[in-house]
């Protein structure tokens, strides 16, 4: 599988970015993940530049780090739609947030996504889309897994959420 992106986007609580950066970079060093020291920080969002984003993504979601985070390997919109088309997920809804672009881009992207995946009101799965300009990350989460405070407070919920993410990882 050829990796097409070199970015991982991680969201966290605003003002927790530096602690998250230190923990993730230490983890990358420990696990021999190739990365560049260059990183981009926006309010609550950190971009990590790595030669192997899917390897890094899999390692991160397979571990339980102390800071709350959602992790997204970034893809172009075409690549994202291909991934979703191959997936066999059924979601309750799509939660989309893209920084640095016009506001209606999420609506346009959601309309395209609706053609590729199944929607079911009874599903407990939420598809989260995060992005920076022309690149989008995805994460498939059970409801309640998107709440950072709950994840930090409840170890069983945290384990359950990370286990679910490992099982439902979407692959190119």
N, C-alpha and C. Protein backbone atom coordinates (compact mmCIF):
# COMPACT_ATOMS: atom_id res chain seq x y z
N UNK A 1 0.85 -1.18 0.00
CA UNK A 1 0.00 0.00 0.00
C UNK A 1 0.89 1.24 0.00
N UNK A 2 0.73 2.08 -0.96
CA UNK A 2 1.50 3.32 -1.03
C UNK A 2 0.81 4.38 -0.19
N UNK A 3 1.58 5.02 0.69
CA UNK A 3 0.99 6.05 1.53
C UNK A 3 1.00 7.37 0.78
N UNK A 4 -0.12 8.04 0.76
CA UNK A 4 -0.26 9.23 -0.07
C UNK A 4 -0.16 10.53 0.71
N UNK A 5 -0.17 10.44 2.01
CA UNK A 5 -0.13 11.66 2.82
C UNK A 5 1.03 11.57 3.79
N UNK A 6 1.43 12.70 4.31
CA UNK A 6 2.51 12.67 5.30
C UNK A 6 2.12 13.45 6.55
N UNK A 7 0.83 13.51 6.81
CA UNK A 7 0.35 14.27 7.96
C UNK A 7 -0.60 13.45 8.80
N UNK A 8 -0.51 13.66 10.10
CA UNK A 8 -1.52 13.17 11.02
C UNK A 8 -2.04 14.38 11.76
N UNK A 9 -3.34 14.52 11.82
CA UNK A 9 -3.97 15.61 12.55
C UNK A 9 -4.49 15.05 13.87
N UNK A 10 -4.16 15.72 14.96
CA UNK A 10 -4.64 15.30 16.28
C UNK A 10 -5.35 16.48 16.92
N UNK A 11 -6.57 16.25 17.38
CA UNK A 11 -7.28 17.31 18.09
C UNK A 11 -7.26 17.00 19.58
N UNK A 12 -7.22 18.05 20.37
CA UNK A 12 -7.21 17.93 21.82
C UNK A 12 -7.89 19.15 22.41
N UNK A 13 -7.89 19.23 23.73
CA UNK A 13 -8.47 20.41 24.37
C UNK A 13 -7.55 21.61 24.11
N UNK A 14 -8.13 22.77 23.89
CA UNK A 14 -7.34 23.98 23.71
C UNK A 14 -6.51 24.20 24.96
N UNK A 15 -5.28 24.63 24.78
CA UNK A 15 -4.28 24.84 25.84
C UNK A 15 -3.65 23.54 26.32
N UNK A 16 -3.95 22.42 25.69
CA UNK A 16 -3.28 21.15 26.01
C UNK A 16 -2.32 20.75 24.90
N UNK A 17 -2.17 21.60 23.88
CA UNK A 17 -1.40 21.23 22.70
C UNK A 17 0.06 20.90 23.02
N UNK A 18 0.71 21.72 23.85
CA UNK A 18 2.13 21.49 24.14
C UNK A 18 2.36 20.17 24.86
N UNK A 19 1.51 19.86 25.82
CA UNK A 19 1.64 18.60 26.54
C UNK A 19 1.42 17.42 25.60
N UNK A 20 0.42 17.54 24.73
CA UNK A 20 0.14 16.49 23.76
C UNK A 20 1.33 16.31 22.81
N UNK A 21 1.89 17.41 22.33
CA UNK A 21 3.04 17.34 21.43
C UNK A 21 4.18 16.59 22.09
N UNK A 22 4.51 16.96 23.33
CA UNK A 22 5.61 16.30 24.04
C UNK A 22 5.36 14.81 24.19
N UNK A 23 4.13 14.44 24.55
CA UNK A 23 3.82 13.03 24.75
C UNK A 23 3.88 12.26 23.43
N UNK A 24 3.31 12.80 22.37
CA UNK A 24 3.30 12.10 21.09
C UNK A 24 4.71 12.00 20.52
N UNK A 25 5.49 13.06 20.60
CA UNK A 25 6.86 13.00 20.08
C UNK A 25 7.70 11.99 20.86
N UNK A 26 7.54 11.94 22.17
CA UNK A 26 8.24 10.93 22.98
C UNK A 26 7.83 9.53 22.56
N UNK A 27 6.54 9.36 22.32
CA UNK A 27 6.01 8.07 21.88
C UNK A 27 6.59 7.69 20.52
N UNK A 28 6.64 8.65 19.59
CA UNK A 28 7.21 8.38 18.27
C UNK A 28 8.68 7.95 18.38
N UNK A 29 9.44 8.63 19.23
CA UNK A 29 10.85 8.28 19.42
C UNK A 29 10.96 6.86 19.98
N UNK A 30 10.15 6.57 21.00
CA UNK A 30 10.16 5.25 21.64
C UNK A 30 9.82 4.14 20.65
N UNK A 31 8.87 4.40 19.75
CA UNK A 31 8.40 3.38 18.80
C UNK A 31 9.09 3.45 17.44
N UNK A 32 10.13 4.26 17.32
CA UNK A 32 10.90 4.40 16.08
C UNK A 32 10.06 4.84 14.89
N UNK A 33 9.15 5.76 15.12
CA UNK A 33 8.36 6.35 14.03
C UNK A 33 9.15 7.51 13.46
N UNK A 34 9.36 7.51 12.15
CA UNK A 34 10.07 8.62 11.51
C UNK A 34 9.14 9.83 11.47
N UNK A 35 9.64 10.96 11.91
CA UNK A 35 8.84 12.17 11.88
C UNK A 35 9.76 13.37 11.73
N UNK A 36 9.17 14.47 11.34
CA UNK A 36 9.91 15.73 11.24
C UNK A 36 9.63 16.54 12.49
N UNK A 37 10.61 17.28 12.95
CA UNK A 37 10.41 18.13 14.12
C UNK A 37 9.36 19.21 13.86
N UNK A 38 9.18 19.52 12.58
CA UNK A 38 8.22 20.55 12.20
C UNK A 38 6.82 20.08 12.55
N UNK A 39 6.08 20.91 13.21
CA UNK A 39 4.69 20.60 13.54
C UNK A 39 3.90 21.89 13.47
N UNK A 40 2.64 21.78 13.21
CA UNK A 40 1.78 22.95 13.11
C UNK A 40 0.74 22.88 14.21
N UNK A 41 0.52 24.00 14.88
CA UNK A 41 -0.43 24.03 15.99
C UNK A 41 -1.46 25.12 15.73
N UNK A 42 -2.72 24.74 15.82
CA UNK A 42 -3.85 25.66 15.76
C UNK A 42 -4.59 25.43 17.07
N UNK A 43 -5.51 26.28 17.42
CA UNK A 43 -6.24 26.10 18.68
C UNK A 43 -6.86 24.72 18.80
N UNK A 44 -6.29 23.86 19.62
CA UNK A 44 -6.82 22.53 19.83
C UNK A 44 -6.47 21.51 18.76
N UNK A 45 -5.65 21.90 17.78
CA UNK A 45 -5.28 21.00 16.68
C UNK A 45 -3.77 21.00 16.50
N UNK A 46 -3.21 19.81 16.35
CA UNK A 46 -1.78 19.68 16.09
C UNK A 46 -1.61 18.82 14.85
N UNK A 47 -0.78 19.27 13.92
CA UNK A 47 -0.44 18.47 12.74
C UNK A 47 0.96 17.91 12.94
N UNK A 48 1.11 16.60 12.77
CA UNK A 48 2.42 15.96 12.84
C UNK A 48 2.80 15.51 11.44
N UNK A 49 4.04 15.78 11.05
CA UNK A 49 4.54 15.39 9.74
C UNK A 49 5.36 14.11 9.91
N UNK A 50 4.97 13.05 9.23
CA UNK A 50 5.65 11.77 9.36
C UNK A 50 5.70 11.07 8.01
N UNK A 51 6.74 10.27 7.81
CA UNK A 51 6.86 9.50 6.57
C UNK A 51 5.89 8.32 6.52
N UNK A 52 5.41 7.91 7.68
CA UNK A 52 4.55 6.72 7.74
C UNK A 52 3.31 7.01 8.60
N UNK A 53 2.38 7.81 8.07
CA UNK A 53 1.24 8.23 8.88
C UNK A 53 0.33 7.09 9.33
N UNK A 54 0.14 6.06 8.50
CA UNK A 54 -0.75 4.97 8.90
C UNK A 54 -0.12 4.10 9.98
N UNK A 55 1.17 3.88 9.87
CA UNK A 55 1.90 3.16 10.92
C UNK A 55 1.80 3.94 12.23
N UNK A 56 2.06 5.24 12.16
CA UNK A 56 1.99 6.09 13.36
C UNK A 56 0.57 6.11 13.92
N UNK A 57 -0.41 6.22 13.04
CA UNK A 57 -1.82 6.23 13.45
C UNK A 57 -2.18 4.94 14.19
N UNK A 58 -1.80 3.81 13.60
CA UNK A 58 -2.10 2.52 14.23
C UNK A 58 -1.42 2.39 15.59
N UNK A 59 -0.19 2.85 15.69
CA UNK A 59 0.50 2.80 16.99
C UNK A 59 -0.21 3.67 18.02
N UNK A 60 -0.59 4.87 17.60
CA UNK A 60 -1.23 5.79 18.55
C UNK A 60 -2.57 5.26 19.05
N UNK A 61 -3.38 4.71 18.16
CA UNK A 61 -4.68 4.24 18.63
C UNK A 61 -4.57 2.89 19.35
N UNK A 62 -3.42 2.24 19.24
CA UNK A 62 -3.22 0.98 19.96
C UNK A 62 -2.67 1.21 21.37
N UNK A 63 -2.34 2.43 21.68
CA UNK A 63 -1.82 2.73 23.01
C UNK A 63 -2.80 3.66 23.71
N UNK A 64 -2.68 3.75 24.98
CA UNK A 64 -3.54 4.67 25.73
C UNK A 64 -2.63 5.77 26.28
N UNK A 65 -2.64 6.90 25.61
CA UNK A 65 -1.85 8.03 26.06
C UNK A 65 -2.67 8.84 27.05
N UNK A 66 -2.00 9.65 27.84
CA UNK A 66 -2.71 10.32 28.93
C UNK A 66 -3.54 11.53 28.49
N UNK A 67 -3.17 12.16 27.38
CA UNK A 67 -3.92 13.33 26.96
C UNK A 67 -5.06 12.94 26.04
N UNK A 68 -6.21 13.59 26.20
CA UNK A 68 -7.33 13.27 25.32
C UNK A 68 -7.03 13.72 23.90
N UNK A 69 -7.32 12.86 22.96
CA UNK A 69 -7.03 13.22 21.58
C UNK A 69 -7.90 12.43 20.63
N UNK A 70 -8.12 13.00 19.48
CA UNK A 70 -8.69 12.28 18.35
C UNK A 70 -7.65 12.36 17.25
N UNK A 71 -7.42 11.26 16.58
CA UNK A 71 -6.31 11.15 15.66
C UNK A 71 -6.85 10.88 14.25
N UNK A 72 -6.30 11.60 13.28
CA UNK A 72 -6.78 11.48 11.91
C UNK A 72 -5.60 11.47 10.94
N UNK A 73 -5.37 10.39 10.16
CA UNK A 73 -4.45 10.52 9.04
C UNK A 73 -5.16 11.36 7.99
N UNK A 74 -4.45 12.24 7.34
CA UNK A 74 -5.11 13.16 6.40
C UNK A 74 -5.06 12.65 4.96
N UNK A 75 -6.17 12.85 4.26
CA UNK A 75 -6.34 12.40 2.88
C UNK A 75 -6.92 13.53 2.04
N UNK A 76 -6.78 13.41 0.73
CA UNK A 76 -7.50 14.33 -0.15
C UNK A 76 -8.97 13.91 -0.14
N UNK A 77 -9.85 14.75 -0.64
CA UNK A 77 -11.29 14.41 -0.64
C UNK A 77 -11.56 13.16 -1.48
N UNK A 78 -10.88 13.01 -2.63
CA UNK A 78 -11.07 11.82 -3.47
C UNK A 78 -10.64 10.55 -2.74
N UNK A 79 -9.47 10.63 -2.06
CA UNK A 79 -8.99 9.46 -1.31
C UNK A 79 -9.95 9.13 -0.18
N UNK A 80 -10.45 10.15 0.51
CA UNK A 80 -11.38 9.92 1.61
C UNK A 80 -12.64 9.22 1.11
N UNK A 81 -13.18 9.67 -0.01
CA UNK A 81 -14.39 9.06 -0.56
C UNK A 81 -14.14 7.61 -0.99
N UNK A 82 -12.94 7.32 -1.53
CA UNK A 82 -12.59 5.93 -1.89
C UNK A 82 -12.57 5.05 -0.65
N UNK A 83 -11.97 5.55 0.43
CA UNK A 83 -11.89 4.80 1.68
C UNK A 83 -13.29 4.51 2.20
N UNK A 84 -14.13 5.52 2.21
CA UNK A 84 -15.49 5.35 2.73
C UNK A 84 -16.30 4.39 1.86
N UNK A 85 -16.10 4.46 0.55
CA UNK A 85 -16.84 3.57 -0.35
C UNK A 85 -16.49 2.11 -0.07
N UNK A 86 -15.21 1.83 0.22
CA UNK A 86 -14.78 0.46 0.50
C UNK A 86 -15.22 -0.01 1.89
N UNK A 87 -15.47 0.92 2.78
CA UNK A 87 -15.85 0.54 4.14
C UNK A 87 -17.27 0.00 4.14
N UNK A 88 -17.57 -0.77 5.13
CA UNK A 88 -18.92 -1.30 5.25
C UNK A 88 -19.53 -0.82 6.55
N UNK A 89 -19.40 0.47 6.79
CA UNK A 89 -19.93 1.01 8.04
C UNK A 89 -21.30 1.62 7.82
N UNK A 90 -22.03 1.67 8.88
CA UNK A 90 -23.33 2.32 8.90
C UNK A 90 -23.29 3.32 10.05
N UNK A 91 -23.51 4.58 9.77
CA UNK A 91 -23.34 5.61 10.79
C UNK A 91 -24.65 6.32 11.09
N UNK A 92 -24.71 6.87 12.29
CA UNK A 92 -25.88 7.65 12.68
C UNK A 92 -25.83 9.03 12.01
N UNK A 93 -24.66 9.67 12.05
CA UNK A 93 -24.50 10.97 11.40
C UNK A 93 -23.03 11.26 11.17
N UNK A 94 -22.76 12.33 10.43
CA UNK A 94 -21.40 12.80 10.16
C UNK A 94 -21.19 14.10 10.91
N UNK A 95 -20.07 14.18 11.61
CA UNK A 95 -19.68 15.40 12.31
C UNK A 95 -18.46 15.94 11.56
N UNK A 96 -18.58 17.11 10.96
CA UNK A 96 -17.52 17.64 10.08
C UNK A 96 -17.05 19.00 10.56
N UNK A 97 -15.72 19.16 10.59
CA UNK A 97 -15.12 20.47 10.89
C UNK A 97 -13.85 20.61 10.07
N UNK A 98 -13.83 21.58 9.18
CA UNK A 98 -12.67 21.83 8.34
C UNK A 98 -12.22 23.26 8.56
N UNK A 99 -10.96 23.43 8.90
CA UNK A 99 -10.41 24.76 9.19
C UNK A 99 -9.80 25.37 7.93
N UNK A 100 -9.89 26.68 7.84
CA UNK A 100 -9.20 27.41 6.79
C UNK A 100 -9.88 27.40 5.43
N UNK A 101 -11.17 27.10 5.39
CA UNK A 101 -11.90 27.11 4.12
C UNK A 101 -13.29 27.67 4.33
N UNK A 102 -14.01 27.81 3.23
CA UNK A 102 -15.38 28.31 3.32
C UNK A 102 -16.25 27.36 4.15
N UNK A 103 -17.22 27.92 4.84
CA UNK A 103 -18.04 27.15 5.78
C UNK A 103 -18.88 26.06 5.12
N UNK A 104 -19.35 26.28 3.90
CA UNK A 104 -20.24 25.29 3.29
C UNK A 104 -19.50 24.08 2.73
N UNK A 105 -18.17 24.04 2.86
CA UNK A 105 -17.41 22.89 2.37
C UNK A 105 -17.83 21.60 3.09
N UNK A 106 -18.09 21.69 4.39
CA UNK A 106 -18.52 20.50 5.14
C UNK A 106 -19.84 19.97 4.60
N UNK A 107 -20.76 20.85 4.28
CA UNK A 107 -22.04 20.40 3.73
C UNK A 107 -21.84 19.70 2.39
N UNK A 108 -20.98 20.26 1.55
CA UNK A 108 -20.68 19.64 0.26
C UNK A 108 -20.06 18.27 0.45
N UNK A 109 -19.10 18.19 1.38
CA UNK A 109 -18.43 16.93 1.65
C UNK A 109 -19.40 15.90 2.23
N UNK A 110 -20.26 16.33 3.13
CA UNK A 110 -21.26 15.42 3.72
C UNK A 110 -22.19 14.87 2.65
N UNK A 111 -22.59 15.70 1.68
CA UNK A 111 -23.45 15.22 0.60
C UNK A 111 -22.76 14.13 -0.22
N UNK A 112 -21.47 14.32 -0.49
CA UNK A 112 -20.72 13.30 -1.22
C UNK A 112 -20.59 12.03 -0.39
N UNK A 113 -20.36 12.19 0.91
CA UNK A 113 -20.20 11.03 1.80
C UNK A 113 -21.49 10.22 1.86
N UNK A 114 -22.63 10.90 1.86
CA UNK A 114 -23.92 10.21 1.94
C UNK A 114 -24.12 9.24 0.78
N UNK A 115 -23.45 9.48 -0.33
CA UNK A 115 -23.55 8.58 -1.47
C UNK A 115 -22.67 7.34 -1.31
N UNK A 116 -21.71 7.40 -0.38
CA UNK A 116 -20.73 6.32 -0.25
C UNK A 116 -20.97 5.39 0.93
N UNK A 117 -21.66 5.85 1.97
CA UNK A 117 -21.88 5.01 3.15
C UNK A 117 -23.35 4.96 3.52
N UNK A 118 -23.69 4.03 4.40
CA UNK A 118 -25.07 3.86 4.84
C UNK A 118 -25.31 4.68 6.10
N UNK A 119 -26.50 5.24 6.19
CA UNK A 119 -26.92 5.97 7.39
C UNK A 119 -28.04 5.19 8.05
N UNK A 120 -27.96 5.08 9.37
CA UNK A 120 -28.96 4.33 10.13
C UNK A 120 -29.17 5.04 11.46
N UNK A 121 -30.37 5.47 11.72
CA UNK A 121 -30.67 6.18 12.97
C UNK A 121 -30.41 5.34 14.21
N UNK A 122 -30.44 4.02 14.07
CA UNK A 122 -30.23 3.14 15.21
C UNK A 122 -28.75 2.87 15.48
N UNK A 123 -27.89 3.25 14.56
CA UNK A 123 -26.46 3.02 14.72
C UNK A 123 -25.92 3.86 15.88
N UNK A 124 -24.90 3.33 16.56
CA UNK A 124 -24.25 4.12 17.62
C UNK A 124 -22.89 4.63 17.16
N UNK A 125 -22.68 4.62 15.83
CA UNK A 125 -21.40 5.05 15.26
C UNK A 125 -21.54 6.43 14.63
N UNK A 126 -20.53 7.27 14.90
CA UNK A 126 -20.48 8.61 14.34
C UNK A 126 -19.21 8.71 13.49
N UNK A 127 -19.33 9.24 12.28
CA UNK A 127 -18.17 9.47 11.43
C UNK A 127 -17.73 10.91 11.64
N UNK A 128 -16.51 11.08 12.16
CA UNK A 128 -15.96 12.42 12.38
C UNK A 128 -15.01 12.76 11.24
N UNK A 129 -15.20 13.92 10.67
CA UNK A 129 -14.32 14.42 9.62
C UNK A 129 -13.68 15.70 10.15
N UNK A 130 -12.36 15.74 10.16
CA UNK A 130 -11.62 16.94 10.54
C UNK A 130 -10.72 17.27 9.37
N UNK A 131 -10.43 18.53 9.18
CA UNK A 131 -9.57 18.86 8.06
C UNK A 131 -8.89 20.20 8.17
N UNK A 132 -7.90 20.34 7.33
CA UNK A 132 -7.18 21.60 7.15
C UNK A 132 -7.16 21.84 5.65
N UNK A 133 -7.80 22.88 5.20
CA UNK A 133 -7.87 23.26 3.78
C UNK A 133 -8.32 22.10 2.91
N UNK A 134 -7.42 21.51 2.09
CA UNK A 134 -7.82 20.48 1.13
C UNK A 134 -7.59 19.05 1.61
N UNK A 135 -7.24 18.86 2.87
CA UNK A 135 -6.98 17.53 3.40
C UNK A 135 -7.92 17.22 4.53
N UNK A 136 -8.38 15.97 4.55
CA UNK A 136 -9.41 15.57 5.49
C UNK A 136 -8.98 14.33 6.24
N UNK A 137 -9.30 14.31 7.50
CA UNK A 137 -9.07 13.11 8.30
C UNK A 137 -10.41 12.54 8.70
N UNK A 138 -10.42 11.29 9.03
CA UNK A 138 -11.65 10.63 9.41
C UNK A 138 -11.41 9.82 10.67
N UNK A 139 -12.43 9.63 11.42
CA UNK A 139 -12.36 8.76 12.58
C UNK A 139 -13.76 8.19 12.78
N UNK A 140 -13.83 6.91 13.02
CA UNK A 140 -15.10 6.25 13.25
C UNK A 140 -15.18 5.97 14.74
N UNK A 141 -16.14 6.61 15.40
CA UNK A 141 -16.24 6.50 16.86
C UNK A 141 -17.63 6.09 17.29
N UNK A 142 -17.67 5.36 18.40
CA UNK A 142 -18.95 5.12 19.04
C UNK A 142 -19.38 6.41 19.71
N UNK A 143 -20.67 6.57 19.88
CA UNK A 143 -21.15 7.74 20.62
C UNK A 143 -20.54 7.71 22.01
N UNK A 144 -20.31 8.86 22.57
CA UNK A 144 -19.66 9.08 23.87
C UNK A 144 -18.14 8.98 23.80
N UNK A 145 -17.59 8.44 22.73
CA UNK A 145 -16.14 8.36 22.61
C UNK A 145 -15.54 9.70 22.18
N UNK A 146 -16.38 10.61 21.72
CA UNK A 146 -15.86 11.91 21.28
C UNK A 146 -15.75 12.90 22.43
N UNK A 147 -16.20 12.52 23.62
CA UNK A 147 -16.18 13.43 24.77
C UNK A 147 -14.89 13.23 25.56
N UNK A 148 -13.96 14.17 25.44
CA UNK A 148 -12.65 14.05 26.08
C UNK A 148 -12.74 13.89 27.59
N UNK A 149 -13.59 14.67 28.22
CA UNK A 149 -13.70 14.63 29.68
C UNK A 149 -14.13 13.25 30.15
N UNK A 150 -15.12 12.68 29.47
CA UNK A 150 -15.59 11.34 29.85
C UNK A 150 -14.49 10.31 29.67
N UNK A 151 -13.72 10.43 28.60
CA UNK A 151 -12.65 9.46 28.35
C UNK A 151 -11.58 9.52 29.43
N UNK A 152 -11.25 10.72 29.88
CA UNK A 152 -10.23 10.85 30.92
C UNK A 152 -10.72 10.33 32.27
N UNK A 153 -11.99 10.55 32.54
CA UNK A 153 -12.54 10.17 33.83
C UNK A 153 -12.85 8.68 33.93
N UNK A 154 -13.15 8.03 32.82
CA UNK A 154 -13.65 6.67 32.85
C UNK A 154 -12.70 5.75 32.08
N UNK A 155 -11.90 4.99 32.80
CA UNK A 155 -10.90 4.13 32.17
C UNK A 155 -11.54 3.04 31.31
N UNK A 156 -12.64 2.46 31.76
CA UNK A 156 -13.32 1.42 30.98
C UNK A 156 -13.84 1.97 29.65
N UNK A 157 -14.42 3.16 29.71
CA UNK A 157 -14.91 3.80 28.48
C UNK A 157 -13.74 4.07 27.54
N UNK A 158 -12.63 4.56 28.08
CA UNK A 158 -11.45 4.86 27.27
C UNK A 158 -10.96 3.59 26.58
N UNK A 159 -10.84 2.49 27.32
CA UNK A 159 -10.38 1.22 26.73
C UNK A 159 -11.36 0.75 25.66
N UNK A 160 -12.63 0.86 25.95
CA UNK A 160 -13.66 0.44 24.99
C UNK A 160 -13.58 1.28 23.72
N UNK A 161 -13.42 2.58 23.86
CA UNK A 161 -13.36 3.47 22.70
C UNK A 161 -12.14 3.18 21.84
N UNK A 162 -10.96 3.03 22.47
CA UNK A 162 -9.76 2.77 21.70
C UNK A 162 -9.81 1.39 21.05
N UNK A 163 -10.39 0.43 21.73
CA UNK A 163 -10.55 -0.91 21.16
C UNK A 163 -11.45 -0.84 19.92
N UNK A 164 -12.53 -0.10 20.03
CA UNK A 164 -13.45 0.07 18.90
C UNK A 164 -12.74 0.73 17.73
N UNK A 165 -11.93 1.76 18.00
CA UNK A 165 -11.21 2.45 16.93
C UNK A 165 -10.26 1.49 16.21
N UNK A 166 -9.59 0.63 16.96
CA UNK A 166 -8.67 -0.33 16.33
C UNK A 166 -9.43 -1.30 15.42
N UNK A 167 -10.60 -1.75 15.87
CA UNK A 167 -11.39 -2.68 15.08
C UNK A 167 -11.94 -2.03 13.82
N UNK A 168 -12.34 -0.78 13.91
CA UNK A 168 -13.05 -0.11 12.82
C UNK A 168 -12.17 0.81 11.99
N UNK A 169 -10.86 0.65 12.10
CA UNK A 169 -9.99 1.53 11.32
C UNK A 169 -10.32 1.38 9.83
N UNK A 170 -10.43 2.50 9.17
CA UNK A 170 -10.72 2.49 7.74
C UNK A 170 -9.41 2.46 6.97
N UNK A 171 -9.28 1.55 6.04
CA UNK A 171 -8.02 1.39 5.32
C UNK A 171 -8.17 1.80 3.86
N UNK A 172 -7.09 2.27 3.32
CA UNK A 172 -7.07 2.61 1.89
C UNK A 172 -6.89 1.32 1.10
